Amino acid sequence: MLFRFSCGGILNKIRPSLKFLCPSEHIPSKIVVDVSNLDIEDRIFMRDIEVHPSLKLLSKNESMPICKIVPTSLGNKEPIEA
């Protein structure tokens, strides 16, 4: 599925899945990430995901982005000729 934004960008899923460690009673059925206010070049990082406090992210790098809004065109910029 391709997500297009009014700012002229698309959602680039850098990390399509995350692994958490938690008690079985706290396993979420889904994790919702709001991307509606993102603009071109904005990112959401692993550390930005809000989950139950008992969930522990199994990653060595919480500062890694999970998604980024990338431009779909050059906009008003002229292409550079080689």
C-alpha atoms as a PDB file:
ATOM      1  CA  MET A   1       0.000   0.000   0.000  1.00  0.00           C
ATOM      2  CA  LEU A   2       1.356   3.426  -0.984  1.00  0.00           C
ATOM      3  CA  PHE A   3       0.549   6.369   1.284  1.00  0.00           C
ATOM      4  CA  ARG A   4       0.552   9.754  -0.481  1.00  0.00           C
ATOM      5  CA  PHE A   5       0.576  13.061   1.386  1.00  0.00           C
ATOM      6  CA  SER A   6      -0.788  16.470   0.388  1.00  0.00           C
ATOM      7  CA  CYS A   7       2.737  17.878   0.822  1.00  0.00           C
ATOM      8  CA  GLY A   8       3.765  15.929  -2.282  1.00  0.00           C
ATOM      9  CA  GLY A   9       5.481  13.053  -0.524  1.00  0.00           C
ATOM     10  CA  ILE A  10       5.027   9.356   0.059  1.00  0.00           C
ATOM     11  CA  LEU A  11       5.634   7.226   3.137  1.00  0.00           C
ATOM     12  CA  ASN A  12       8.883   5.274   2.915  1.00  0.00           C
ATOM     13  CA  LYS A  13       8.707   2.377   5.396  1.00  0.00           C
ATOM     14  CA  ILE A  14      12.324   1.902   6.470  1.00  0.00           C
ATOM     15  CA  ARG A  15      11.520  -0.621   9.191  1.00  0.00           C
ATOM     16  CA  PRO A  16       8.191  -2.371   8.433  1.00  0.00           C
ATOM     17  CA  SER A  17       8.189  -4.407  11.655  1.00  0.00           C
ATOM     18  CA  LEU A  18       9.423  -4.035  15.225  1.00  0.00           C
ATOM     19  CA  LYS A  19      10.079  -6.668  17.884  1.00  0.00           C
ATOM     20  CA  PHE A  20       9.040  -6.189  21.486  1.00  0.00           C
ATOM     21  CA  LEU A  21       9.409  -8.294  24.612  1.00  0.00           C
ATOM     22  CA  CYS A  22       6.471  -8.184  27.024  1.00  0.00           C
ATOM     23  CA  PRO A  23       4.174 -10.237  29.248  1.00  0.00           C
ATOM     24  CA  SER A  24       1.551 -12.114  27.256  1.00  0.00           C
ATOM     25  CA  GLU A  25      -1.293 -10.104  28.759  1.00  0.00           C
ATOM     26  CA  HIS A  26       0.164  -6.900  27.277  1.00  0.00           C
ATOM     27  CA  ILE A  27       0.632  -8.057  23.687  1.00  0.00           C
ATOM     28  CA  PRO A  28      -1.076  -5.369  21.614  1.00  0.00           C
ATOM     29  CA  SER A  29      -3.359  -6.392  18.759  1.00  0.00           C
ATOM     30  CA  LYS A  30      -1.932  -3.453  16.807  1.00  0.00           C
ATOM     31  CA  ILE A  31       0.286  -0.418  17.223  1.00  0.00           C
ATOM     32  CA  VAL A  32      -1.028   2.774  15.658  1.00  0.00           C
ATOM     33  CA  VAL A  33       1.383   5.443  14.432  1.00  0.00           C
ATOM     34  CA  ASP A  34      -0.087   8.825  13.453  1.00  0.00           C
ATOM     35  CA  VAL A  35       1.676  10.138  10.343  1.00  0.00           C
ATOM     36  CA  SER A  36      -0.990  12.710   9.416  1.00  0.00           C
ATOM     37  CA  ASN A  37       1.069  15.739  10.501  1.00  0.00           C
ATOM     38  CA  LEU A  38       4.328  14.741   8.832  1.00  0.00           C
ATOM     39  CA  ASP A  39       5.940  16.809   6.081  1.00  0.00           C
ATOM     40  CA  ILE A  40       8.676  16.105   3.509  1.00  0.00           C
ATOM     41  CA  GLU A  41      11.828  14.683   5.171  1.00  0.00           C
ATOM     42  CA  ASP A  42      10.049  14.155   8.534  1.00  0.00           C
ATOM     43  CA  ARG A  43      10.799  10.846  10.247  1.00  0.00           C
ATOM     44  CA  ILE A  44       9.364   8.715  13.015  1.00  0.00           C
ATOM     45  CA  PHE A  45      11.936   6.930  15.140  1.00  0.00           C
ATOM     46  CA  MET A  46      11.665   3.698  17.115  1.00  0.00           C
ATOM     47  CA  ARG A  47      11.838   5.680  20.348  1.00  0.00           C
ATOM     48  CA  ASP A  48       8.764   7.706  19.266  1.00  0.00           C
ATOM     49  CA  ILE A  49       6.424   4.695  19.253  1.00  0.00           C
ATOM     50  CA  GLU A  50       4.069   4.868  22.240  1.00  0.00           C
ATOM     51  CA  VAL A  51       3.327   1.463  23.754  1.00  0.00           C
ATOM     52  CA  HIS A  52       2.460  -0.008  27.151  1.00  0.00           C
ATOM     53  CA  PRO A  53       5.326   0.557  29.635  1.00  0.00           C
ATOM     54  CA  SER A  54       5.844  -3.201  30.007  1.00  0.00           C
ATOM     55  CA  LEU A  55       6.827  -3.538  26.333  1.00  0.00           C
ATOM     56  CA  LYS A  56      10.571  -3.511  25.752  1.00  0.00           C
ATOM     57  CA  LEU A  57      11.795  -2.736  22.255  1.00  0.00           C
ATOM     58  CA  LEU A  58      14.293  -5.374  21.092  1.00  0.00           C
ATOM     59  CA  SER A  59      16.614  -3.155  19.113  1.00  0.00           C
ATOM     60  CA  LYS A  60      20.129  -1.919  19.634  1.00  0.00           C
ATOM     61  CA  ASN A  61      19.420   1.424  17.978  1.00  0.00           C
ATOM     62  CA  GLU A  62      16.282   3.241  19.145  1.00  0.00           C
ATOM     63  CA  SER A  63      17.342   6.316  17.173  1.00  0.00           C
ATOM     64  CA  MET A  64      16.848   4.466  13.878  1.00  0.00           C
ATOM     65  CA  PRO A  65      13.918   5.829  11.854  1.00  0.00           C
ATOM     66  CA  ILE A  66      11.078   3.434  11.071  1.00  0.00           C
ATOM     67  CA  CYS A  67       9.604   5.643   8.355  1.00  0.00           C
ATOM     68  CA  LYS A  68      10.262   8.862   6.460  1.00  0.00           C
ATOM     69  CA  ILE A  69       8.254  11.102   4.144  1.00  0.00           C
ATOM     70  CA  VAL A  70      10.115  11.357   0.837  1.00  0.00           C
ATOM     71  CA  PRO A  71       9.315  13.739  -2.036  1.00  0.00           C
ATOM     72  CA  THR A  72       7.649  12.326  -5.144  1.00  0.00           C
ATOM     73  CA  SER A  73       8.840  15.117  -7.438  1.00  0.00           C
ATOM     74  CA  LEU A  74      11.328  17.954  -7.640  1.00  0.00           C
ATOM     75  CA  GLY A  75       8.558  20.501  -7.029  1.00  0.00           C
ATOM     76  CA  ASN A  76       9.728  23.954  -8.176  1.00  0.00           C
ATOM     77  CA  LYS A  77      13.364  22.914  -8.413  1.00  0.00           C
ATOM     78  CA  GLU A  78      14.940  22.512 -11.818  1.00  0.00           C
ATOM     79  CA  PRO A  79      16.783  19.258 -12.519  1.00  0.00           C
ATOM     80  CA  ILE A  80      20.567  19.450 -12.518  1.00  0.00           C
ATOM     81  CA  GLU A  81      22.195  18.524 -15.812  1.00  0.00           C
ATOM     82  CA  ALA A  82      25.316  16.401 -15.808  1.00  0.00           C
END
